[in-house]
PDB file of N, CA and C in Angstrom:
ATOM      1  N   MET A   1     101.889 106.645 105.113  1.00  0.00           N
ATOM      2  CA  MET A   1     100.534 106.119 105.124  1.00  0.00           C
ATOM      3  C   MET A   1      99.673 106.872 106.129  1.00  0.00           C
ATOM      4  N   PHE A   2     100.191 107.185 107.265  1.00  0.00           N
ATOM      5  CA  PHE A   2      99.403 107.848 108.347  1.00  0.00           C
ATOM      6  C   PHE A   2      99.684 109.335 108.325  1.00  0.00           C
ATOM      7  N   ASN A   3      99.260 110.051 107.296  1.00  0.00           N
ATOM      8  CA  ASN A   3      99.678 111.417 107.194  1.00  0.00           C
ATOM      9  C   ASN A   3      98.599 112.413 106.836  1.00  0.00           C
ATOM     10  N   VAL A   4      97.346 112.018 106.813  1.00  0.00           N
ATOM     11  CA  VAL A   4      96.344 112.926 106.255  1.00  0.00           C
ATOM     12  C   VAL A   4      95.745 113.836 107.325  1.00  0.00           C
ATOM     13  N   CYS A   5      94.731 113.415 108.044  1.00  0.00           N
ATOM     14  CA  CYS A   5      94.013 114.326 108.932  1.00  0.00           C
ATOM     15  C   CYS A   5      94.341 114.108 110.414  1.00  0.00           C
ATOM     16  N   LEU A   6      94.691 112.917 110.763  1.00  0.00           N
ATOM     17  CA  LEU A   6      94.892 112.669 112.161  1.00  0.00           C
ATOM     18  C   LEU A   6      96.305 113.048 112.597  1.00  0.00           C
ATOM     19  N   SER A   7      96.409 113.794 113.635  1.00  0.00           N
ATOM     20  CA  SER A   7      97.726 114.247 114.088  1.00  0.00           C
ATOM     21  C   SER A   7      98.418 113.210 114.929  1.00  0.00           C
ATOM     22  N   SER A   8      97.691 112.263 115.422  1.00  0.00           N
ATOM     23  CA  SER A   8      98.272 111.254 116.315  1.00  0.00           C
ATOM     24  C   SER A   8      98.267 109.878 115.641  1.00  0.00           C
ATOM     25  N   LYS A   9      99.367 109.201 115.747  1.00  0.00           N
ATOM     26  CA  LYS A   9      99.446 107.855 115.192  1.00  0.00           C
ATOM     27  C   LYS A   9      98.480 106.904 115.928  1.00  0.00           C
ATOM     28  N   LYS A  10      98.264 107.180 117.226  1.00  0.00           N
ATOM     29  CA  LYS A  10      97.306 106.350 117.990  1.00  0.00           C
ATOM     30  C   LYS A  10      95.894 106.512 117.457  1.00  0.00           C
ATOM     31  N   LEU A  11      95.526 107.736 117.143  1.00  0.00           N
ATOM     32  CA  LEU A  11      94.185 107.955 116.543  1.00  0.00           C
ATOM     33  C   LEU A  11      94.062 107.292 115.192  1.00  0.00           C
ATOM     34  N   CYS A  12      95.121 107.329 114.414  1.00  0.00           N
ATOM     35  CA  CYS A  12      95.139 106.723 113.113  1.00  0.00           C
ATOM     36  C   CYS A  12      94.990 105.214 113.226  1.00  0.00           C
ATOM     37  N   MET A  13      95.701 104.638 114.169  1.00  0.00           N
ATOM     38  CA  MET A  13      95.597 103.211 114.410  1.00  0.00           C
ATOM     39  C   MET A  13      94.178 102.839 114.889  1.00  0.00           C
ATOM     40  N   ALA A  14      93.597 103.706 115.703  1.00  0.00           N
ATOM     41  CA  ALA A  14      92.210 103.472 116.130  1.00  0.00           C
ATOM     42  C   ALA A  14      91.260 103.479 114.944  1.00  0.00           C
ATOM     43  N   ALA A  15      91.453 104.425 114.001  1.00  0.00           N
ATOM     44  CA  ALA A  15      90.629 104.473 112.816  1.00  0.00           C
ATOM     45  C   ALA A  15      90.824 103.234 111.971  1.00  0.00           C
ATOM     46  N   LEU A  16      92.042 102.731 111.869  1.00  0.00           N
ATOM     47  CA  LEU A  16      92.284 101.475 111.144  1.00  0.00           C
ATOM     48  C   LEU A  16      91.601 100.312 111.840  1.00  0.00           C
ATOM     49  N   ALA A  17      91.611 100.302 113.154  1.00  0.00           N
ATOM     50  CA  ALA A  17      90.906  99.252 113.909  1.00  0.00           C
ATOM     51  C   ALA A  17      89.408  99.308 113.627  1.00  0.00           C
ATOM     52  N   VAL A  18      88.850 100.501 113.552  1.00  0.00           N
ATOM     53  CA  VAL A  18      87.414 100.648 113.222  1.00  0.00           C
ATOM     54  C   VAL A  18      87.149 100.108 111.854  1.00  0.00           C
ATOM     55  N   VAL A  19      87.998 100.399 110.869  1.00  0.00           N
ATOM     56  CA  VAL A  19      87.826  99.883 109.522  1.00  0.00           C
ATOM     57  C   VAL A  19      87.847  98.372 109.535  1.00  0.00           C
ATOM     58  N   LEU A  20      88.798  97.785 110.230  1.00  0.00           N
ATOM     59  CA  LEU A  20      88.890  96.327 110.299  1.00  0.00           C
ATOM     60  C   LEU A  20      87.662  95.729 110.965  1.00  0.00           C
ATOM     61  N   LEU A  21      87.181  96.367 112.007  1.00  0.00           N
ATOM     62  CA  LEU A  21      85.957  95.892 112.676  1.00  0.00           C
ATOM     63  C   LEU A  21      84.735  96.023 111.759  1.00  0.00           C
ATOM     64  N   MET A  22      84.689  97.083 111.006  1.00  0.00           N
ATOM     65  CA  MET A  22      83.556  97.267 110.047  1.00  0.00           C
ATOM     66  C   MET A  22      83.564  96.121 109.016  1.00  0.00           C
ATOM     67  N   VAL A  23      84.717  95.848 108.458  1.00  0.00           N
ATOM     68  CA  VAL A  23      84.786  94.798 107.417  1.00  0.00           C
ATOM     69  C   VAL A  23      84.497  93.416 108.054  1.00  0.00           C
ATOM     70  N   ALA A  24      85.067  93.148 109.214  1.00  0.00           N
ATOM     71  CA  ALA A  24      84.819  91.866 109.866  1.00  0.00           C
ATOM     72  C   ALA A  24      83.353  91.712 110.223  1.00  0.00           C
ATOM     73  N   SER A  25      82.740  92.784 110.719  1.00  0.00           N
ATOM     74  CA  SER A  25      81.329  92.677 111.084  1.00  0.00           C
ATOM     75  C   SER A  25      80.426  92.538 109.863  1.00  0.00           C
ATOM     76  N   LEU A  26      80.856  93.081 108.753  1.00  0.00           N
ATOM     77  CA  LEU A  26      80.093  92.933 107.513  1.00  0.00           C
ATOM     78  C   LEU A  26      79.989  91.464 107.145  1.00  0.00           C
ATOM     79  N   PHE A  27      81.091  90.730 107.244  1.00  0.00           N
ATOM     80  CA  PHE A  27      81.087  89.308 106.855  1.00  0.00           C
ATOM     81  C   PHE A  27      80.554  88.408 107.951  1.00  0.00           C
ATOM     82  N   PHE A  28      80.981  88.647 109.192  1.00  0.00           N
ATOM     83  CA  PHE A  28      80.495  87.835 110.307  1.00  0.00           C
ATOM     84  C   PHE A  28      79.048  88.115 110.582  1.00  0.00           C
ATOM     85  N   GLY A  29      78.691  89.371 110.727  1.00  0.00           N
ATOM     86  CA  GLY A  29      77.301  89.738 111.008  1.00  0.00           C
ATOM     87  C   GLY A  29      76.365  89.365 109.862  1.00  0.00           C
ATOM     88  N   GLY A  30      76.857  89.480 108.647  1.00  0.00           N
ATOM     89  CA  GLY A  30      76.026  89.144 107.509  1.00  0.00           C
ATOM     90  C   GLY A  30      75.742  87.662 107.372  1.00  0.00           C
ATOM     91  N   SER A  31      76.567  86.822 108.025  1.00  0.00           N
ATOM     92  CA  SER A  31      76.350  85.385 107.948  1.00  0.00           C
ATOM     93  C   SER A  31      75.434  84.882 109.057  1.00  0.00           C
ATOM     94  N   GLN A  32      74.993  85.753 109.940  1.00  0.00           N
ATOM     95  CA  GLN A  32      74.102  85.335 111.008  1.00  0.00           C
ATOM     96  C   GLN A  32      72.658  85.209 110.500  1.00  0.00           C
ATOM     97  N   SER A  33      71.905  84.304 111.085  1.00  0.00           N
ATOM     98  CA  SER A  33      70.519  84.144 110.661  1.00  0.00           C
ATOM     99  C   SER A  33      69.739  85.431 110.979  1.00  0.00           C
ATOM    100  N   GLY A  34      68.883  85.815 110.048  1.00  0.00           N
ATOM    101  CA  GLY A  34      68.109  87.021 110.202  1.00  0.00           C
ATOM    102  C   GLY A  34      68.775  88.277 109.722  1.00  0.00           C
ATOM    103  N   ALA A  35      70.048  88.187 109.325  1.00  0.00           N
ATOM    104  CA  ALA A  35      70.745  89.367 108.887  1.00  0.00           C
ATOM    105  C   ALA A  35      70.168  89.912 107.586  1.00  0.00           C
ATOM    106  N   GLY A  36      69.622  89.046 106.763  1.00  0.00           N
ATOM    107  CA  GLY A  36      69.080  89.501 105.476  1.00  0.00           C
ATOM    108  C   GLY A  36      67.875  90.417 105.609  1.00  0.00           C
ATOM    109  N   GLY A  37      67.123  90.257 106.653  1.00  0.00           N
ATOM    110  CA  GLY A  37      65.939  91.092 106.827  1.00  0.00           C
ATOM    111  C   GLY A  37      66.096  92.211 107.838  1.00  0.00           C
ATOM    112  N   LEU A  38      67.340  92.501 108.195  1.00  0.00           N
ATOM    113  CA  LEU A  38      67.594  93.490 109.232  1.00  0.00           C
ATOM    114  C   LEU A  38      67.099  94.871 108.847  1.00  0.00           C
ATOM    115  N   PHE A  39      67.297  95.256 107.587  1.00  0.00           N
ATOM    116  CA  PHE A  39      66.844  96.535 107.082  1.00  0.00           C
ATOM    117  C   PHE A  39      65.915  96.280 105.889  1.00  0.00           C
ATOM    118  N   PRO A  40      64.639  96.648 106.007  1.00  0.00           N
ATOM    119  CA  PRO A  40      63.717  96.404 104.908  1.00  0.00           C
ATOM    120  C   PRO A  40      63.979  97.349 103.738  1.00  0.00           C
ATOM    121  N   ALA A  41      63.584  96.892 102.556  1.00  0.00           N
ATOM    122  CA  ALA A  41      63.692  97.727 101.343  1.00  0.00           C
ATOM    123  C   ALA A  41      62.753  98.909 101.515  1.00  0.00           C
ATOM    124  N   PRO A  42      63.090 100.076 101.038  1.00  0.00           N
ATOM    125  CA  PRO A  42      64.315 100.510 100.324  1.00  0.00           C
ATOM    126  C   PRO A  42      65.396 100.987 101.263  1.00  0.00           C
ATOM    127  N   TRP A  43      65.186 100.875 102.560  1.00  0.00           N
ATOM    128  CA  TRP A  43      66.151 101.416 103.540  1.00  0.00           C
ATOM    129  C   TRP A  43      67.468 100.650 103.503  1.00  0.00           C
ATOM    130  N   ASP A  44      67.448  99.412 103.055  1.00  0.00           N
ATOM    131  CA  ASP A  44      68.698  98.642 102.983  1.00  0.00           C
ATOM    132  C   ASP A  44      69.694  99.282 102.048  1.00  0.00           C
ATOM    133  N   LYS A  45      69.223  99.923 100.990  1.00  0.00           N
ATOM    134  CA  LYS A  45      70.134 100.580 100.044  1.00  0.00           C
ATOM    135  C   LYS A  45      70.763 101.811 100.720  1.00  0.00           C
ATOM    136  N   LEU A  46      70.017 102.528 101.497  1.00  0.00           N
ATOM    137  CA  LEU A  46      70.552 103.686 102.231  1.00  0.00           C
ATOM    138  C   LEU A  46      71.624 103.226 103.210  1.00  0.00           C
ATOM    139  N   VAL A  47      71.439 102.059 103.855  1.00  0.00           N
ATOM    140  CA  VAL A  47      72.413 101.534 104.763  1.00  0.00           C
ATOM    141  C   VAL A  47      73.701 101.155 103.995  1.00  0.00           C
ATOM    142  N   HIS A  48      73.554 100.547 102.841  1.00  0.00           N
ATOM    143  CA  HIS A  48      74.724 100.235 102.008  1.00  0.00           C
ATOM    144  C   HIS A  48      75.477 101.503 101.650  1.00  0.00           C
ATOM    145  N   ILE A  49      74.759 102.530 101.212  1.00  0.00           N
ATOM    146  CA  ILE A  49      75.401 103.792 100.829  1.00  0.00           C
ATOM    147  C   ILE A  49      76.137 104.396 102.007  1.00  0.00           C
ATOM    148  N   MET A  50      75.495 104.495 103.132  1.00  0.00           N
ATOM    149  CA  MET A  50      76.114 105.133 104.317  1.00  0.00           C
ATOM    150  C   MET A  50      77.309 104.320 104.841  1.00  0.00           C
ATOM    151  N   TYR A  51      77.198 103.008 104.828  1.00  0.00           N
ATOM    152  CA  TYR A  51      78.252 102.138 105.313  1.00  0.00           C
ATOM    153  C   TYR A  51      79.528 102.354 104.461  1.00  0.00           C
ATOM    154  N   PHE A  52      79.350 102.301 103.151  1.00  0.00           N
ATOM    155  CA  PHE A  52      80.512 102.411 102.275  1.00  0.00           C
ATOM    156  C   PHE A  52      81.023 103.853 102.170  1.00  0.00           C
ATOM    157  N   LEU A  53      80.189 104.812 102.365  1.00  0.00           N
ATOM    158  CA  LEU A  53      80.641 106.200 102.442  1.00  0.00           C
ATOM    159  C   LEU A  53      81.526 106.353 103.668  1.00  0.00           C
ATOM    160  N   ALA A  54      81.096 105.831 104.808  1.00  0.00           N
ATOM    161  CA  ALA A  54      81.899 105.940 106.036  1.00  0.00           C
ATOM    162  C   ALA A  54      83.215 105.148 105.883  1.00  0.00           C
ATOM    163  N   LEU A  55      83.141 103.966 105.304  1.00  0.00           N
ATOM    164  CA  LEU A  55      84.363 103.163 105.106  1.00  0.00           C
ATOM    165  C   LEU A  55      85.378 103.917 104.262  1.00  0.00           C
ATOM    166  N   ALA A  56      84.904 104.513 103.151  1.00  0.00           N
ATOM    167  CA  ALA A  56      85.808 105.236 102.246  1.00  0.00           C
ATOM    168  C   ALA A  56      86.407 106.469 102.952  1.00  0.00           C
ATOM    169  N   LEU A  57      85.593 107.201 103.653  1.00  0.00           N
ATOM    170  CA  LEU A  57      86.087 108.389 104.357  1.00  0.00           C
ATOM    171  C   LEU A  57      87.126 108.015 105.416  1.00  0.00           C
ATOM    172  N   LEU A  58      86.858 106.981 106.178  1.00  0.00           N
ATOM    173  CA  LEU A  58      87.803 106.526 107.203  1.00  0.00           C
ATOM    174  C   LEU A  58      89.136 106.100 106.543  1.00  0.00           C
ATOM    175  N   LEU A  59      89.034 105.357 105.488  1.00  0.00           N
ATOM    176  CA  LEU A  59      90.246 104.880 104.840  1.00  0.00           C
ATOM    177  C   LEU A  59      91.098 106.026 104.261  1.00  0.00           C
ATOM    178  N   HIS A  60      90.424 106.990 103.697  1.00  0.00           N
ATOM    179  CA  HIS A  60      91.191 108.088 103.082  1.00  0.00           C
ATOM    180  C   HIS A  60      91.616 109.162 104.074  1.00  0.00           C
ATOM    181  N   TYR A  61      90.669 109.735 104.796  1.00  0.00           N
ATOM    182  CA  TYR A  61      90.997 110.865 105.640  1.00  0.00           C
ATOM    183  C   TYR A  61      91.606 110.494 106.985  1.00  0.00           C
ATOM    184  N   CYS A  62      91.315 109.299 107.476  1.00  0.00           N
ATOM    185  CA  CYS A  62      91.861 108.927 108.783  1.00  0.00           C
ATOM    186  C   CYS A  62      93.029 107.970 108.691  1.00  0.00           C
ATOM    187  N   VAL A  63      92.966 107.005 107.790  1.00  0.00           N
ATOM    188  CA  VAL A  63      94.067 106.072 107.641  1.00  0.00           C
ATOM    189  C   VAL A  63      95.113 106.634 106.675  1.00  0.00           C
ATOM    190  N   GLY A  64      94.678 107.393 105.688  1.00  0.00           N
ATOM    191  CA  GLY A  64      95.593 108.038 104.786  1.00  0.00           C
ATOM    192  C   GLY A  64      95.849 107.340 103.468  1.00  0.00           C
ATOM    193  N   LEU A  65      94.989 106.397 103.126  1.00  0.00           N
ATOM    194  CA  LEU A  65      95.183 105.713 101.828  1.00  0.00           C
ATOM    195  C   LEU A  65      94.836 106.666 100.687  1.00  0.00           C
ATOM    196  N   PRO A  66      95.530 106.546  99.551  1.00  0.00           N
ATOM    197  CA  PRO A  66      95.179 107.349  98.407  1.00  0.00           C
ATOM    198  C   PRO A  66      93.786 106.997  97.867  1.00  0.00           C
ATOM    199  N   VAL A  67      93.144 107.933  97.208  1.00  0.00           N
ATOM    200  CA  VAL A  67      91.769 107.773  96.723  1.00  0.00           C
ATOM    201  C   VAL A  67      91.621 106.537  95.872  1.00  0.00           C
ATOM    202  N   VAL A  68      92.571 106.301  94.968  1.00  0.00           N
ATOM    203  CA  VAL A  68      92.469 105.142  94.067  1.00  0.00           C
ATOM    204  C   VAL A  68      92.456 103.848  94.867  1.00  0.00           C
ATOM    205  N   LEU A  69      93.333 103.711  95.861  1.00  0.00           N
ATOM    206  CA  LEU A  69      93.364 102.508  96.676  1.00  0.00           C
ATOM    207  C   LEU A  69      92.090 102.351  97.503  1.00  0.00           C
ATOM    208  N   VAL A  70      91.568 103.450  97.984  1.00  0.00           N
ATOM    209  CA  VAL A  70      90.316 103.406  98.754  1.00  0.00           C
ATOM    210  C   VAL A  70      89.160 102.885  97.875  1.00  0.00           C
ATOM    211  N   ILE A  71      89.091 103.416  96.658  1.00  0.00           N
ATOM    212  CA  ILE A  71      88.037 103.017  95.740  1.00  0.00           C
ATOM    213  C   ILE A  71      88.164 101.520  95.412  1.00  0.00           C
ATOM    214  N   VAL A  72      89.373 101.093  95.076  1.00  0.00           N
ATOM    215  CA  VAL A  72      89.596  99.667  94.739  1.00  0.00           C
ATOM    216  C   VAL A  72      89.257  98.768  95.927  1.00  0.00           C
ATOM    217  N   PHE A  73      89.805  99.104  97.099  1.00  0.00           N
ATOM    218  CA  PHE A  73      89.558  98.301  98.289  1.00  0.00           C
ATOM    219  C   PHE A  73      88.089  98.234  98.624  1.00  0.00           C
ATOM    220  N   SER A  74      87.402  99.371  98.598  1.00  0.00           N
ATOM    221  CA  SER A  74      85.986  99.426  98.940  1.00  0.00           C
ATOM    222  C   SER A  74      85.153  98.613  97.978  1.00  0.00           C
ATOM    223  N   LEU A  75      85.435  98.715  96.717  1.00  0.00           N
ATOM    224  CA  LEU A  75      84.651  97.959  95.711  1.00  0.00           C
ATOM    225  C   LEU A  75      84.953  96.443  95.816  1.00  0.00           C
ATOM    226  N   ILE A  76      86.169  96.093  96.162  1.00  0.00           N
ATOM    227  CA  ILE A  76      86.461  94.662  96.379  1.00  0.00           C
ATOM    228  C   ILE A  76      85.707  94.147  97.585  1.00  0.00           C
ATOM    229  N   VAL A  77      85.646  94.939  98.643  1.00  0.00           N
ATOM    230  CA  VAL A  77      84.887  94.524  99.856  1.00  0.00           C
ATOM    231  C   VAL A  77      83.397  94.385  99.490  1.00  0.00           C
ATOM    232  N   GLY A  78      82.859  95.349  98.736  1.00  0.00           N
ATOM    233  CA  GLY A  78      81.456  95.261  98.351  1.00  0.00           C
ATOM    234  C   GLY A  78      81.160  94.042  97.494  1.00  0.00           C
ATOM    235  N   ALA A  79      82.023  93.770  96.523  1.00  0.00           N
ATOM    236  CA  ALA A  79      81.866  92.592  95.643  1.00  0.00           C
ATOM    237  C   ALA A  79      82.002  91.288  96.453  1.00  0.00           C
ATOM    238  N   ALA A  80      83.005  91.253  97.327  1.00  0.00           N
ATOM    239  CA  ALA A  80      83.218  90.071  98.159  1.00  0.00           C
ATOM    240  C   ALA A  80      82.034  89.816  99.059  1.00  0.00           C
ATOM    241  N   ASP A  81      81.426  90.870  99.576  1.00  0.00           N
ATOM    242  CA  ASP A  81      80.244  90.725 100.436  1.00  0.00           C
ATOM    243  C   ASP A  81      79.108  90.114  99.664  1.00  0.00           C
ATOM    244  N   GLU A  82      78.886  90.572  98.442  1.00  0.00           N
ATOM    245  CA  GLU A  82      77.794  90.005  97.637  1.00  0.00           C
ATOM    246  C   GLU A  82      78.078  88.556  97.258  1.00  0.00           C
ATOM    247  N   ILE A  83      79.320  88.260  96.905  1.00  0.00           N
ATOM    248  CA  ILE A  83      79.677  86.863  96.607  1.00  0.00           C
ATOM    249  C   ILE A  83      79.486  85.985  97.865  1.00  0.00           C
ATOM    250  N   HIS A  84      79.905  86.487  98.981  1.00  0.00           N
ATOM    251  CA  HIS A  84      79.753  85.766 100.241  1.00  0.00           C
ATOM    252  C   HIS A  84      78.283  85.480 100.528  1.00  0.00           C
ATOM    253  N   GLN A  85      77.417  86.458 100.293  1.00  0.00           N
ATOM    254  CA  GLN A  85      75.986  86.285 100.533  1.00  0.00           C
ATOM    255  C   GLN A  85      75.384  85.217  99.627  1.00  0.00           C
ATOM    256  N   SER A  86      75.971  85.029  98.432  1.00  0.00           N
ATOM    257  CA  SER A  86      75.419  84.031  97.507  1.00  0.00           C
ATOM    258  C   SER A  86      75.593  82.612  98.038  1.00  0.00           C
ATOM    259  N   PHE A  87      76.476  82.398  98.989  1.00  0.00           N
ATOM    260  CA  PHE A  87      76.685  81.091  99.565  1.00  0.00           C
ATOM    261  C   PHE A  87      75.977  80.867 100.880  1.00  0.00           C
ATOM    262  N   LEU A  88      75.279  81.863 101.361  1.00  0.00           N
ATOM    263  CA  LEU A  88      74.600  81.776 102.655  1.00  0.00           C
ATOM    264  C   LEU A  88      73.150  81.393 102.457  1.00  0.00           C
ATOM    265  N   PRO A  89      72.640  80.472 103.281  1.00  0.00           N
ATOM    266  CA  PRO A  89      71.223  80.106 103.170  1.00  0.00           C
ATOM    267  C   PRO A  89      70.319  81.293 103.493  1.00  0.00           C
ATOM    268  N   GLY A  90      69.328  81.519 102.641  1.00  0.00           N
ATOM    269  CA  GLY A  90      68.387  82.620 102.821  1.00  0.00           C
ATOM    270  C   GLY A  90      68.886  83.967 102.353  1.00  0.00           C
ATOM    271  N   ARG A  91      70.077  84.029 101.797  1.00  0.00           N
ATOM    272  CA  ARG A  91      70.671  85.278 101.319  1.00  0.00           C
ATOM    273  C   ARG A  91      70.917  85.146  99.845  1.00  0.00           C
ATOM    274  N   THR A  92      70.931  86.258  99.162  1.00  0.00           N
ATOM    275  CA  THR A  92      71.243  86.280  97.738  1.00  0.00           C
ATOM    276  C   THR A  92      72.183  87.453  97.458  1.00  0.00           C
ATOM    277  N   ALA A  93      72.973  87.281  96.419  1.00  0.00           N
ATOM    278  CA  ALA A  93      73.813  88.374  95.945  1.00  0.00           C
ATOM    279  C   ALA A  93      72.943  89.266  95.074  1.00  0.00           C
ATOM    280  N   ALA A  94      73.131  90.576  95.169  1.00  0.00           N
ATOM    281  CA  ALA A  94      72.290  91.497  94.409  1.00  0.00           C
ATOM    282  C   ALA A  94      73.141  92.600  93.808  1.00  0.00           C
ATOM    283  N   TRP A  95      72.942  92.852  92.506  1.00  0.00           N
ATOM    284  CA  TRP A  95      73.672  93.919  91.816  1.00  0.00           C
ATOM    285  C   TRP A  95      73.316  95.281  92.368  1.00  0.00           C
ATOM    286  N   ASP A  96      72.034  95.451  92.758  1.00  0.00           N
ATOM    287  CA  ASP A  96      71.621  96.756  93.256  1.00  0.00           C
ATOM    288  C   ASP A  96      72.280  97.058  94.600  1.00  0.00           C
ATOM    289  N   ASP A  97      72.600  96.056  95.380  1.00  0.00           N
ATOM    290  CA  ASP A  97      73.344  96.275  96.620  1.00  0.00           C
ATOM    291  C   ASP A  97      74.746  96.747  96.286  1.00  0.00           C
ATOM    292  N   PHE A  98      75.412  96.126  95.319  1.00  0.00           N
ATOM    293  CA  PHE A  98      76.740  96.516  94.916  1.00  0.00           C
ATOM    294  C   PHE A  98      76.719  97.945  94.342  1.00  0.00           C
ATOM    295  N   VAL A  99      75.682  98.286  93.593  1.00  0.00           N
ATOM    296  CA  VAL A  99      75.589  99.649  93.064  1.00  0.00           C
ATOM    297  C   VAL A  99      75.426 100.655  94.219  1.00  0.00           C
ATOM    298  N   ALA A 100      74.686 100.262  95.233  1.00  0.00           N
ATOM    299  CA  ALA A 100      74.544 101.143  96.407  1.00  0.00           C
ATOM    300  C   ALA A 100      75.892 101.305  97.123  1.00  0.00           C
ATOM    301  N   ASP A 101      76.664 100.211  97.203  1.00  0.00           N
ATOM    302  CA  ASP A 101      78.012 100.299  97.788  1.00  0.00           C
ATOM    303  C   ASP A 101      78.877 101.299  96.995  1.00  0.00           C
ATOM    304  N   ALA A 102      78.883 101.131  95.693  1.00  0.00           N
ATOM    305  CA  ALA A 102      79.678 102.006  94.818  1.00  0.00           C
ATOM    306  C   ALA A 102      79.197 103.452  94.918  1.00  0.00           C
ATOM    307  N   THR A 103      77.907 103.655  95.089  1.00  0.00           N
ATOM    308  CA  THR A 103      77.356 104.993  95.219  1.00  0.00           C
ATOM    309  C   THR A 103      77.890 105.663  96.496  1.00  0.00           C
ATOM    310  N   GLY A 104      77.953 104.900  97.581  1.00  0.00           N
ATOM    311  CA  GLY A 104      78.506 105.433  98.840  1.00  0.00           C
ATOM    312  C   GLY A 104      79.961 105.853  98.677  1.00  0.00           C
ATOM    313  N   VAL A 105      80.734 105.045  97.988  1.00  0.00           N
ATOM    314  CA  VAL A 105      82.134 105.367  97.741  1.00  0.00           C
ATOM    315  C   VAL A 105      82.241 106.617  96.870  1.00  0.00           C
ATOM    316  N   ALA A 106      81.395 106.690  95.835  1.00  0.00           N
ATOM    317  CA  ALA A 106      81.410 107.859  94.938  1.00  0.00           C
ATOM    318  C   ALA A 106      81.032 109.128  95.693  1.00  0.00           C
ATOM    319  N   LEU A 107      80.030 109.023  96.552  1.00  0.00           N
ATOM    320  CA  LEU A 107      79.620 110.189  97.316  1.00  0.00           C
ATOM    321  C   LEU A 107      80.722 110.680  98.279  1.00  0.00           C
ATOM    322  N   ALA A 108      81.490 109.721  98.768  1.00  0.00           N
ATOM    323  CA  ALA A 108      82.593 110.097  99.686  1.00  0.00           C
ATOM    324  C   ALA A 108      83.597 110.986  98.986  1.00  0.00           C
ATOM    325  N   PHE A 109      83.767 110.823  97.694  1.00  0.00           N
ATOM    326  CA  PHE A 109      84.793 111.591  96.990  1.00  0.00           C
ATOM    327  C   PHE A 109      84.250 112.616  96.040  1.00  0.00           C
ATOM    328  N   THR A 110      82.949 112.848  96.019  1.00  0.00           N
ATOM    329  CA  THR A 110      82.361 113.858  95.151  1.00  0.00           C
ATOM    330  C   THR A 110      82.918 115.236  95.454  1.00  0.00           C
ATOM    331  N   GLY A 111      82.926 115.627  96.699  1.00  0.00           N
ATOM    332  CA  GLY A 111      83.484 116.931  97.083  1.00  0.00           C
ATOM    333  C   GLY A 111      84.980 116.999  96.852  1.00  0.00           C
ATOM    334  N   TYR A 112      85.660 115.902  97.052  1.00  0.00           N
ATOM    335  CA  TYR A 112      87.095 115.834  96.832  1.00  0.00           C
ATOM    336  C   TYR A 112      87.443 116.110  95.372  1.00  0.00           C
ATOM    337  N   ILE A 113      86.695 115.516  94.476  1.00  0.00           N
ATOM    338  CA  ILE A 113      86.944 115.684  93.023  1.00  0.00           C
ATOM    339  C   ILE A 113      86.715 117.143  92.628  1.00  0.00           C
ATOM    340  N   PHE A 114      85.612 117.740  93.062  1.00  0.00           N
ATOM    341  CA  PHE A 114      85.308 119.104  92.690  1.00  0.00           C
ATOM    342  C   PHE A 114      86.275 120.113  93.331  1.00  0.00           C
ATOM    343  N   LYS A 115      86.748 119.801  94.513  1.00  0.00           N
ATOM    344  CA  LYS A 115      87.707 120.668  95.202  1.00  0.00           C
ATOM    345  C   LYS A 115      89.041 120.742  94.484  1.00  0.00           C
ATOM    346  N   ARG A 116      89.443 119.620  93.866  1.00  0.00           N
ATOM    347  CA  ARG A 116      90.739 119.566  93.199  1.00  0.00           C
ATOM    348  C   ARG A 116      90.728 120.329  91.877  1.00  0.00           C
ATOM    349  N   LYS A 117      89.557 120.590  91.285  1.00  0.00           N
ATOM    350  CA  LYS A 117      89.531 121.265  89.957  1.00  0.00           C
ATOM    351  C   LYS A 117      89.702 122.724  90.059  1.00  0.00           C
TER     352      LYS A 117
END
């Protein structure tokens, strides 16, 4: 599992800790009042893209998960975040946010796909 770019298991564990903090902050921070208006449109979509791009890159290149697992995990996190938002007062689930999440994941692996051909 810990075999891709990081030469040190400690660094790999630190990357995994960052991933866990990112996911926890997404759900905990997103449930705080005022979180819905933190980034105004259209910048909120850019934040979604960058967040999920970083998450995918950390999971693959630093933690060492295979691309397929990274894609599945990232999309589950994105979908779960939108479902979670649908239960929060003042928040709504949005398909365009999920599309932005998926775009970030796709961008993370665009170079990877072309490099393999």
